[in-house]
Amino acid sequence: MSNRVLSIGSQFPAFKKKAVVSIEKGKEFIELTNEFAAAKGKWTVMFWWPKDFTFVCPTEIAEFNKKHSDFTDRDAVLIGASTDSEFVHAAWRRDHADLRDLKFPMLADTSKSLAEELGILDAEEKIAYRATFIIDPQGIVRWVSVYDLNVGRSVQEVIRVLDALQTDELCPCNWSKGEETLTAQLNMN
C-alpha cells in the first residue's frame, strides 16, 4: 500500500462502485463511476469518512447535506464515501435522522481499492482517513485535504477553496467569493 496521498495535478482514478442514493425500498442503490460529474462538465467534491455508525462522521455528512445547494450552485457534484458497504450505508441512513434525506450519493468502497489508490487508507485499521478531493471537470485533482480520524473538517472551507479554484485567478489568504483577487489587482496596475 502506498502512503502517498494522490496529489494536486493528478488524474483522479477511474472507479466503478455501488452507492446509496435513497432509503426508498428498491431505489437504494446505483452504480457510480468517476464519470458521474465529469460527463456533465461539472466539478466533483468527494469527501471520505472513516466509519459509518460513529460520532464525528454524521456531523460532517449532515453539514455537507445542508450546504448541498452551495455546491450545486457552483456546478459541483458532491459524493460522500467510506470503506463501508452499500448495505451499511443504507442501514445508517435509515437509522440516523440527519442522514435520511441526503441529496448526494454515499459511495461504498468495500474492496478499499479506491481509498488505497488515493493513498488515504489507514495502515492499521484499513479505513479511510477524513479526506476531501476537489476534482475539476477534466478529472484533475485540484485540492486535497486529509484530517486525522478524530477531527471533523470545515465544509465552509471546502466551499471557499472551490470558489477560489473556479476563479482561475490568484486568491490571497482568507479570500472569499466576491472579494477582489490578486490577479485583478495586478491587472489594474
C-alpha atoms as a PDB file:
ATOM      1  CA  MET A   1       0.000   0.000   0.000  1.00  0.00           C
ATOM      2  CA  SER A   2       1.174   3.489  -0.854  1.00  0.00           C
ATOM      3  CA  ASN A   3       1.282   6.032   1.942  1.00  0.00           C
ATOM      4  CA  ARG A   4       1.407   8.814  -0.641  1.00  0.00           C
ATOM      5  CA  VAL A   5      -1.837  10.722  -0.985  1.00  0.00           C
ATOM      6  CA  LEU A   6      -2.873  11.370  -4.580  1.00  0.00           C
ATOM      7  CA  SER A   7      -1.861  14.956  -5.124  1.00  0.00           C
ATOM      8  CA  ILE A   8      -2.763  18.092  -6.997  1.00  0.00           C
ATOM      9  CA  GLY A   9      -2.402  17.832 -10.760  1.00  0.00           C
ATOM     10  CA  SER A  10      -3.024  14.071 -10.784  1.00  0.00           C
ATOM     11  CA  GLN A  11      -5.759  12.441 -12.805  1.00  0.00           C
ATOM     12  CA  PHE A  12      -8.412  11.136 -10.408  1.00  0.00           C
ATOM     13  CA  PRO A  13      -8.505   7.329 -10.703  1.00  0.00           C
ATOM     14  CA  ALA A  14     -11.180   5.531 -12.680  1.00  0.00           C
ATOM     15  CA  PHE A  15     -13.633   3.663 -10.460  1.00  0.00           C
ATOM     16  CA  LYS A  16     -16.928   1.812 -10.584  1.00  0.00           C
ATOM     17  CA  LYS A  17     -18.582   1.321  -7.197  1.00  0.00           C
ATOM     18  CA  LYS A  18     -22.006   0.864  -5.632  1.00  0.00           C
ATOM     19  CA  ALA A  19     -23.529   3.899  -3.945  1.00  0.00           C
ATOM     20  CA  VAL A  20     -26.601   4.583  -1.841  1.00  0.00           C
ATOM     21  CA  VAL A  21     -28.870   7.324  -3.204  1.00  0.00           C
ATOM     22  CA  SER A  22     -32.153   6.650  -1.400  1.00  0.00           C
ATOM     23  CA  ILE A  23     -33.739   4.827   1.503  1.00  0.00           C
ATOM     24  CA  GLU A  24     -36.823   4.009  -0.587  1.00  0.00           C
ATOM     25  CA  LYS A  25     -37.130   0.236  -0.997  1.00  0.00           C
ATOM     26  CA  GLY A  26     -35.970  -0.870  -4.446  1.00  0.00           C
ATOM     27  CA  LYS A  27     -34.360   2.505  -5.238  1.00  0.00           C
ATOM     28  CA  GLU A  28     -31.500   2.489  -2.736  1.00  0.00           C
ATOM     29  CA  PHE A  29     -28.517   1.729  -4.959  1.00  0.00           C
ATOM     30  CA  ILE A  30     -26.825   2.889  -8.148  1.00  0.00           C
ATOM     31  CA  GLU A  31     -23.514   2.102  -9.775  1.00  0.00           C
ATOM     32  CA  LEU A  32     -21.266   5.144  -9.638  1.00  0.00           C
ATOM     33  CA  THR A  33     -18.213   5.861 -11.789  1.00  0.00           C
ATOM     34  CA  ASN A  34     -15.603   8.594 -11.974  1.00  0.00           C
ATOM     35  CA  GLU A  35     -17.599   9.963 -14.940  1.00  0.00           C
ATOM     36  CA  PHE A  36     -20.561  10.844 -12.659  1.00  0.00           C
ATOM     37  CA  ALA A  37     -19.789  14.576 -12.663  1.00  0.00           C
ATOM     38  CA  ALA A  38     -17.252  14.941 -15.467  1.00  0.00           C
ATOM     39  CA  ALA A  39     -19.760  13.726 -18.061  1.00  0.00           C
ATOM     40  CA  LYS A  40     -21.920  16.717 -17.131  1.00  0.00           C
ATOM     41  CA  GLY A  41     -18.974  19.142 -17.297  1.00  0.00           C
ATOM     42  CA  LYS A  42     -19.105  19.636 -13.537  1.00  0.00           C
ATOM     43  CA  TRP A  43     -16.601  19.730 -10.702  1.00  0.00           C
ATOM     44  CA  THR A  44     -16.575  16.889  -8.166  1.00  0.00           C
ATOM     45  CA  VAL A  45     -16.155  17.214  -4.424  1.00  0.00           C
ATOM     46  CA  MET A  46     -15.538  13.758  -2.962  1.00  0.00           C
ATOM     47  CA  PHE A  47     -15.257  13.562   0.801  1.00  0.00           C
ATOM     48  CA  TRP A  48     -14.338  10.451   2.771  1.00  0.00           C
ATOM     49  CA  TRP A  49     -15.076   9.481   6.361  1.00  0.00           C
ATOM     50  CA  PRO A  50     -13.635   6.587   8.390  1.00  0.00           C
ATOM     51  CA  LYS A  51     -16.661   4.567   9.556  1.00  0.00           C
ATOM     52  CA  ASP A  52     -20.428   4.576   9.454  1.00  0.00           C
ATOM     53  CA  PHE A  53     -22.314   4.495  12.778  1.00  0.00           C
ATOM     54  CA  THR A  54     -19.724   6.700  14.505  1.00  0.00           C
ATOM     55  CA  PHE A  55     -19.852  10.120  16.153  1.00  0.00           C
ATOM     56  CA  VAL A  56     -17.905  12.750  14.168  1.00  0.00           C
ATOM     57  CA  CYS A  57     -18.787  11.406  10.709  1.00  0.00           C
ATOM     58  CA  PRO A  58     -22.534  12.166  10.735  1.00  0.00           C
ATOM     59  CA  THR A  59     -21.851  15.772  11.798  1.00  0.00           C
ATOM     60  CA  GLU A  60     -19.774  16.271   8.645  1.00  0.00           C
ATOM     61  CA  ILE A  61     -22.158  14.398   6.358  1.00  0.00           C
ATOM     62  CA  ALA A  62     -25.130  16.377   7.670  1.00  0.00           C
ATOM     63  CA  GLU A  63     -23.249  19.658   7.154  1.00  0.00           C
ATOM     64  CA  PHE A  64     -22.308  18.742   3.573  1.00  0.00           C
ATOM     65  CA  ASN A  65     -26.002  17.961   3.030  1.00  0.00           C
ATOM     66  CA  LYS A  66     -27.074  21.335   4.473  1.00  0.00           C
ATOM     67  CA  LYS A  67     -24.656  23.039   2.067  1.00  0.00           C
ATOM     68  CA  HIS A  68     -25.620  20.843  -0.930  1.00  0.00           C
ATOM     69  CA  SER A  69     -27.189  23.753  -2.841  1.00  0.00           C
ATOM     70  CA  ASP A  70     -23.988  25.783  -2.321  1.00  0.00           C
ATOM     71  CA  PHE A  71     -22.138  23.065  -4.251  1.00  0.00           C
ATOM     72  CA  THR A  72     -24.766  22.662  -6.981  1.00  0.00           C
ATOM     73  CA  ASP A  73     -24.829  26.458  -7.419  1.00  0.00           C
ATOM     74  CA  ARG A  74     -21.106  26.156  -8.190  1.00  0.00           C
ATOM     75  CA  ASP A  75     -21.574  23.378 -10.784  1.00  0.00           C
ATOM     76  CA  ALA A  76     -20.120  20.830  -8.377  1.00  0.00           C
ATOM     77  CA  VAL A  77     -21.334  17.332  -7.600  1.00  0.00           C
ATOM     78  CA  LEU A  78     -20.921  16.001  -4.052  1.00  0.00           C
ATOM     79  CA  ILE A  79     -20.004  12.377  -3.404  1.00  0.00           C
ATOM     80  CA  GLY A  80     -19.558  11.029   0.113  1.00  0.00           C
ATOM     81  CA  ALA A  81     -17.507   7.856   0.577  1.00  0.00           C
ATOM     82  CA  SER A  82     -16.192   5.333   3.052  1.00  0.00           C
ATOM     83  CA  THR A  83     -14.960   1.753   3.034  1.00  0.00           C
ATOM     84  CA  ASP A  84     -18.250   0.506   4.482  1.00  0.00           C
ATOM     85  CA  SER A  85     -20.643  -1.459   2.247  1.00  0.00           C
ATOM     86  CA  GLU A  86     -23.662  -0.025   0.482  1.00  0.00           C
ATOM     87  CA  PHE A  87     -25.847  -2.067   2.854  1.00  0.00           C
ATOM     88  CA  VAL A  88     -24.227  -0.492   5.919  1.00  0.00           C
ATOM     89  CA  HIS A  89     -24.646   2.964   4.322  1.00  0.00           C
ATOM     90  CA  ALA A  90     -28.338   2.264   3.684  1.00  0.00           C
ATOM     91  CA  ALA A  91     -28.884   0.993   7.239  1.00  0.00           C
ATOM     92  CA  TRP A  92     -27.113   4.035   8.696  1.00  0.00           C
ATOM     93  CA  ARG A  93     -29.227   6.393   6.586  1.00  0.00           C
ATOM     94  CA  ARG A  94     -32.421   4.675   7.792  1.00  0.00           C
ATOM     95  CA  ASP A  95     -31.182   4.702  11.403  1.00  0.00           C
ATOM     96  CA  HIS A  96     -29.845   8.288  11.677  1.00  0.00           C
ATOM     97  CA  ALA A  97     -32.327  11.169  11.367  1.00  0.00           C
ATOM     98  CA  ASP A  98     -29.690  13.582   9.983  1.00  0.00           C
ATOM     99  CA  LEU A  99     -28.819  11.186   7.140  1.00  0.00           C
ATOM    100  CA  ARG A 100     -32.250  10.114   5.871  1.00  0.00           C
ATOM    101  CA  ASP A 101     -32.684  12.856   3.278  1.00  0.00           C
ATOM    102  CA  LEU A 102     -29.196  13.107   1.808  1.00  0.00           C
ATOM    103  CA  LYS A 103     -29.034  14.815  -1.579  1.00  0.00           C
ATOM    104  CA  PHE A 104     -25.792  13.131  -2.664  1.00  0.00           C
ATOM    105  CA  PRO A 105     -24.619   9.518  -3.086  1.00  0.00           C
ATOM    106  CA  MET A 106     -22.769   7.572  -0.398  1.00  0.00           C
ATOM    107  CA  LEU A 107     -20.109   5.576  -2.249  1.00  0.00           C
ATOM    108  CA  ALA A 108     -19.195   2.133  -0.898  1.00  0.00           C
ATOM    109  CA  ASP A 109     -15.513   1.245  -1.371  1.00  0.00           C
ATOM    110  CA  THR A 110     -15.802  -2.201   0.209  1.00  0.00           C
ATOM    111  CA  SER A 111     -12.725  -3.514  -1.620  1.00  0.00           C
ATOM    112  CA  LYS A 112     -10.828  -0.486  -0.273  1.00  0.00           C
ATOM    113  CA  SER A 113      -9.202  -0.239  -3.708  1.00  0.00           C
ATOM    114  CA  LEU A 114     -10.106   3.391  -4.362  1.00  0.00           C
ATOM    115  CA  ALA A 115      -9.092   4.532  -0.860  1.00  0.00           C
ATOM    116  CA  GLU A 116      -5.797   2.686  -1.319  1.00  0.00           C
ATOM    117  CA  GLU A 117      -5.210   4.206  -4.760  1.00  0.00           C
ATOM    118  CA  LEU A 118      -5.912   7.658  -3.312  1.00  0.00           C
ATOM    119  CA  GLY A 119      -3.386   6.994  -0.519  1.00  0.00           C
ATOM    120  CA  ILE A 120      -5.930   7.621   2.260  1.00  0.00           C
ATOM    121  CA  LEU A 121      -6.254   4.122   3.743  1.00  0.00           C
ATOM    122  CA  ASP A 122      -5.147   3.873   7.361  1.00  0.00           C
ATOM    123  CA  ALA A 123      -2.457   1.171   7.515  1.00  0.00           C
ATOM    124  CA  GLU A 124      -3.655  -0.403  10.778  1.00  0.00           C
ATOM    125  CA  GLU A 125      -7.456  -0.266  10.679  1.00  0.00           C
ATOM    126  CA  LYS A 126      -7.817  -0.304   6.860  1.00  0.00           C
ATOM    127  CA  ILE A 127     -10.351   2.522   6.953  1.00  0.00           C
ATOM    128  CA  ALA A 128     -10.241   5.800   5.051  1.00  0.00           C
ATOM    129  CA  TYR A 129      -8.928   8.982   6.592  1.00  0.00           C
ATOM    130  CA  ARG A 130     -11.117  12.098   6.544  1.00  0.00           C
ATOM    131  CA  ALA A 131     -10.038  13.212   3.094  1.00  0.00           C
ATOM    132  CA  THR A 132     -11.555  15.695   0.666  1.00  0.00           C
ATOM    133  CA  PHE A 133     -10.741  15.935  -3.033  1.00  0.00           C
ATOM    134  CA  ILE A 134     -11.841  18.730  -5.356  1.00  0.00           C
ATOM    135  CA  ILE A 135     -11.676  17.469  -8.932  1.00  0.00           C
ATOM    136  CA  ASP A 136     -12.151  19.704 -11.968  1.00  0.00           C
ATOM    137  CA  PRO A 137     -14.404  18.773 -14.920  1.00  0.00           C
ATOM    138  CA  GLN A 138     -11.397  17.246 -16.724  1.00  0.00           C
ATOM    139  CA  GLY A 139     -10.865  14.801 -13.839  1.00  0.00           C
ATOM    140  CA  ILE A 140      -7.766  16.546 -12.462  1.00  0.00           C
ATOM    141  CA  VAL A 141      -7.302  16.803  -8.684  1.00  0.00           C
ATOM    142  CA  ARG A 142      -7.123  20.497  -7.818  1.00  0.00           C
ATOM    143  CA  TRP A 143      -7.241  20.342  -3.991  1.00  0.00           C
ATOM    144  CA  VAL A 144      -6.721  17.682  -1.333  1.00  0.00           C
ATOM    145  CA  SER A 145      -7.093  17.820   2.426  1.00  0.00           C
ATOM    146  CA  VAL A 146      -6.596  14.951   4.842  1.00  0.00           C
ATOM    147  CA  TYR A 147      -7.527  15.086   8.515  1.00  0.00           C
ATOM    148  CA  ASP A 148      -6.784  12.890  11.485  1.00  0.00           C
ATOM    149  CA  LEU A 149      -9.514  10.356  12.218  1.00  0.00           C
ATOM    150  CA  ASN A 150     -10.724  12.310  15.282  1.00  0.00           C
ATOM    151  CA  VAL A 151     -11.056  15.780  13.716  1.00  0.00           C
ATOM    152  CA  GLY A 152     -14.024  16.942  11.657  1.00  0.00           C
ATOM    153  CA  ARG A 153     -13.436  19.215   8.667  1.00  0.00           C
ATOM    154  CA  SER A 154     -14.885  22.628   7.811  1.00  0.00           C
ATOM    155  CA  VAL A 155     -17.395  22.370   4.964  1.00  0.00           C
ATOM    156  CA  GLN A 156     -17.287  26.151   4.590  1.00  0.00           C
ATOM    157  CA  GLU A 157     -13.552  25.935   3.863  1.00  0.00           C
ATOM    158  CA  VAL A 158     -14.202  23.361   1.129  1.00  0.00           C
ATOM    159  CA  ILE A 159     -16.688  25.798  -0.447  1.00  0.00           C
ATOM    160  CA  ARG A 160     -14.218  28.694  -0.119  1.00  0.00           C
ATOM    161  CA  VAL A 161     -11.473  26.702  -1.861  1.00  0.00           C
ATOM    162  CA  LEU A 162     -13.873  25.598  -4.616  1.00  0.00           C
ATOM    163  CA  ASP A 163     -14.805  29.263  -5.168  1.00  0.00           C
ATOM    164  CA  ALA A 164     -11.135  30.231  -5.366  1.00  0.00           C
ATOM    165  CA  LEU A 165     -10.269  27.438  -7.787  1.00  0.00           C
ATOM    166  CA  GLN A 166     -13.161  28.371 -10.033  1.00  0.00           C
ATOM    167  CA  THR A 167     -11.904  31.965 -10.395  1.00  0.00           C
ATOM    168  CA  ASP A 168      -8.756  30.605 -12.106  1.00  0.00           C
ATOM    169  CA  GLU A 169      -7.022  33.637 -10.590  1.00  0.00           C
ATOM    170  CA  LEU A 170      -4.604  34.348  -7.734  1.00  0.00           C
ATOM    171  CA  CYS A 171      -6.561  34.431  -4.463  1.00  0.00           C
ATOM    172  CA  PRO A 172      -4.911  35.767  -1.284  1.00  0.00           C
ATOM    173  CA  CYS A 173      -5.063  34.319   2.214  1.00  0.00           C
ATOM    174  CA  ASN A 174      -8.612  34.186   3.621  1.00  0.00           C
ATOM    175  CA  TRP A 175     -10.057  35.271   0.275  1.00  0.00           C
ATOM    176  CA  SER A 176     -13.829  34.806  -0.015  1.00  0.00           C
ATOM    177  CA  LYS A 177     -16.125  34.834  -3.025  1.00  0.00           C
ATOM    178  CA  GLY A 178     -16.943  38.374  -4.100  1.00  0.00           C
ATOM    179  CA  GLU A 179     -13.653  39.812  -2.877  1.00  0.00           C
ATOM    180  CA  GLU A 180     -11.031  41.140  -5.258  1.00  0.00           C
ATOM    181  CA  THR A 181      -8.435  38.643  -6.407  1.00  0.00           C
ATOM    182  CA  LEU A 182      -4.735  39.429  -6.673  1.00  0.00           C
ATOM    183  CA  THR A 183      -4.964  38.814 -10.418  1.00  0.00           C
ATOM    184  CA  ALA A 184      -7.499  41.634 -10.706  1.00  0.00           C
ATOM    185  CA  GLN A 185      -5.238  43.898  -8.632  1.00  0.00           C
ATOM    186  CA  LEU A 186      -2.199  43.078 -10.787  1.00  0.00           C
ATOM    187  CA  ASN A 187      -4.140  43.763 -13.979  1.00  0.00           C
ATOM    188  CA  MET A 188      -5.137  47.222 -12.679  1.00  0.00           C
ATOM    189  CA  ASN A 189      -1.510  48.333 -12.214  1.00  0.00           C
END
